């Protein structure tokens, strides 16, 4: 049967072969209050879970740097999206055969983004009315 290590205690075909007793457990002081611990396990877990993950680092590395915050204005942003879509459509029509397909696919992605933005705007207006 399978064994783990050289210890006969961890054999799976014989069951528990010995019983070991732990050393005497430390007792609480007479006041009944546990001594202060230098770091609480909850704080250690919070520090562990707050560390940036690989996904966080990848997204941060791929995020564009916006130097002009005015672009984030909704009207200007929508106009920039339209201009980008028009530019991709022109490149899809003028580009070589292989590049044209790539620009056409990028234009389709921009069209889908505009459709999603329109749905989001409509839903936002409906929620505001409600």
Protein backbone atom coordinates (compact mmCIF):
# COMPACT_ATOMS: atom_id res chain seq x y z
CA UNK A 1 0.00 0.00 0.00
CA UNK A 2 1.09 3.59 -0.44
CA UNK A 3 3.27 5.17 2.21
CA UNK A 4 4.12 8.76 2.80
CA UNK A 5 7.71 9.26 3.85
CA UNK A 6 9.39 6.71 6.07
CA UNK A 7 6.95 7.08 8.94
CA UNK A 8 4.83 4.04 9.69
CA UNK A 9 2.14 6.28 11.19
CA UNK A 10 1.13 7.42 7.72
CA UNK A 11 0.50 4.02 6.20
CA UNK A 12 -2.91 3.65 4.64
CA UNK A 13 -3.26 -0.11 4.89
CA UNK A 14 -2.91 -0.56 8.67
CA UNK A 15 -4.88 2.31 10.14
CA UNK A 16 -3.59 4.27 13.09
CA UNK A 17 -0.69 2.34 14.55
CA UNK A 18 0.16 4.58 17.50
CA UNK A 19 -1.41 7.33 19.54
CA UNK A 20 0.76 10.29 20.38
CA UNK A 21 -0.02 12.78 23.07
CA UNK A 22 0.75 16.42 22.61
CA UNK A 23 2.81 18.29 25.12
CA UNK A 24 0.92 20.09 27.83
CA UNK A 25 -0.96 23.01 26.36
CA UNK A 26 -0.05 26.43 27.74
CA UNK A 27 -2.63 27.74 30.15
CA UNK A 28 -4.08 31.21 30.39
CA UNK A 29 -2.81 33.41 33.19
CA UNK A 30 -4.82 33.50 36.39
CA UNK A 31 -6.58 36.68 35.25
CA UNK A 32 -8.09 34.73 32.36
CA UNK A 33 -6.74 37.14 29.73
CA UNK A 34 -4.48 35.92 26.95
CA UNK A 35 -1.20 37.77 26.53
CA UNK A 36 -1.07 40.31 23.72
CA UNK A 37 0.12 38.98 20.41
CA UNK A 38 2.46 41.15 18.36
CA UNK A 39 0.46 40.76 15.14
CA UNK A 40 -3.08 39.58 14.80
CA UNK A 41 -3.71 36.89 12.18
CA UNK A 42 -6.50 39.00 10.66
CA UNK A 43 -4.05 41.81 9.95
CA UNK A 44 -1.63 39.37 8.33
CA UNK A 45 -4.40 37.98 6.13
CA UNK A 46 -5.54 41.50 5.19
CA UNK A 47 -1.99 42.38 4.20
CA UNK A 48 -1.76 39.20 2.14
CA UNK A 49 -5.06 39.77 0.33
CA UNK A 50 -4.31 43.47 -0.28
CA UNK A 51 -1.16 42.65 -2.23
CA UNK A 52 -1.54 43.32 -5.96
CA UNK A 53 -2.18 40.22 -8.02
CA UNK A 54 -0.76 39.39 -11.42
CA UNK A 55 -4.01 40.57 -13.02
CA UNK A 56 -3.77 43.91 -11.21
CA UNK A 57 -0.20 44.39 -12.38
CA UNK A 58 -1.09 43.41 -15.95
CA UNK A 59 -4.00 45.85 -16.09
CA UNK A 60 -1.87 48.62 -14.62
CA UNK A 61 0.84 48.00 -17.21
CA UNK A 62 -1.67 48.02 -20.08
CA UNK A 63 -3.62 51.09 -18.92
CA UNK A 64 -2.93 54.10 -21.11
CA UNK A 65 -1.54 57.25 -19.58
CA UNK A 66 -4.03 60.09 -20.06
CA UNK A 67 -2.20 63.40 -20.24
CA UNK A 68 -5.24 65.49 -21.21
CA UNK A 69 -8.07 64.89 -18.72
CA UNK A 70 -10.42 66.93 -20.90
CA UNK A 71 -10.80 63.88 -23.14
CA UNK A 72 -12.78 62.21 -20.37
CA UNK A 73 -15.65 64.70 -20.78
CA UNK A 74 -18.58 62.61 -22.11
CA UNK A 75 -19.16 64.74 -25.22
CA UNK A 76 -15.49 64.92 -26.15
CA UNK A 77 -15.02 61.21 -25.44
CA UNK A 78 -17.97 60.27 -27.70
CA UNK A 79 -16.60 62.51 -30.47
CA UNK A 80 -13.16 60.91 -30.12
CA UNK A 81 -14.74 57.45 -30.40
CA UNK A 82 -16.60 58.49 -33.55
CA UNK A 83 -13.43 59.98 -35.05
CA UNK A 84 -11.52 56.80 -34.26
CA UNK A 85 -14.22 54.67 -35.82
CA UNK A 86 -14.21 56.83 -38.97
CA UNK A 87 -10.41 56.59 -39.17
CA UNK A 88 -10.56 52.80 -38.85
CA UNK A 89 -13.24 52.64 -41.56
CA UNK A 90 -11.04 54.72 -43.89
CA UNK A 91 -8.02 52.52 -43.18
CA UNK A 92 -10.12 49.40 -43.77
CA UNK A 93 -11.15 50.70 -47.20
CA UNK A 94 -7.72 51.96 -48.27
CA UNK A 95 -5.43 49.42 -46.65
CA UNK A 96 -3.87 46.39 -48.33
CA UNK A 97 -5.86 43.21 -48.37
CA UNK A 98 -4.49 41.73 -45.12
CA UNK A 99 -4.43 45.03 -43.22
CA UNK A 100 -7.91 45.95 -44.41
CA UNK A 101 -9.36 42.91 -42.65
CA UNK A 102 -7.61 43.85 -39.41
CA UNK A 103 -8.87 47.44 -39.57
CA UNK A 104 -12.38 46.19 -40.43
CA UNK A 105 -12.33 43.93 -37.36
CA UNK A 106 -11.17 46.87 -35.22
CA UNK A 107 -13.98 48.98 -36.69
CA UNK A 108 -16.47 46.25 -35.73
CA UNK A 109 -15.17 46.36 -32.16
CA UNK A 110 -15.63 50.15 -32.14
CA UNK A 111 -19.18 49.73 -33.48
CA UNK A 112 -19.94 47.25 -30.69
CA UNK A 113 -18.50 49.70 -28.13
CA UNK A 114 -20.74 52.48 -29.49
CA UNK A 115 -23.77 50.17 -29.30
CA UNK A 116 -22.96 49.28 -25.68
CA UNK A 117 -22.48 52.97 -24.84
CA UNK A 118 -25.91 53.76 -26.35
CA UNK A 119 -27.53 50.98 -24.28
CA UNK A 120 -25.78 52.24 -21.14
CA UNK A 121 -26.90 55.83 -21.80
CA UNK A 122 -30.49 54.69 -22.35
CA UNK A 123 -30.48 52.61 -19.17
CA UNK A 124 -29.00 55.52 -17.21
CA UNK A 125 -31.73 57.88 -18.45
CA UNK A 126 -34.44 55.34 -17.57
CA UNK A 127 -33.04 54.90 -14.07
CA UNK A 128 -32.88 58.66 -13.58
CA UNK A 129 -36.56 58.99 -14.54
CA UNK A 130 -37.54 56.19 -12.16
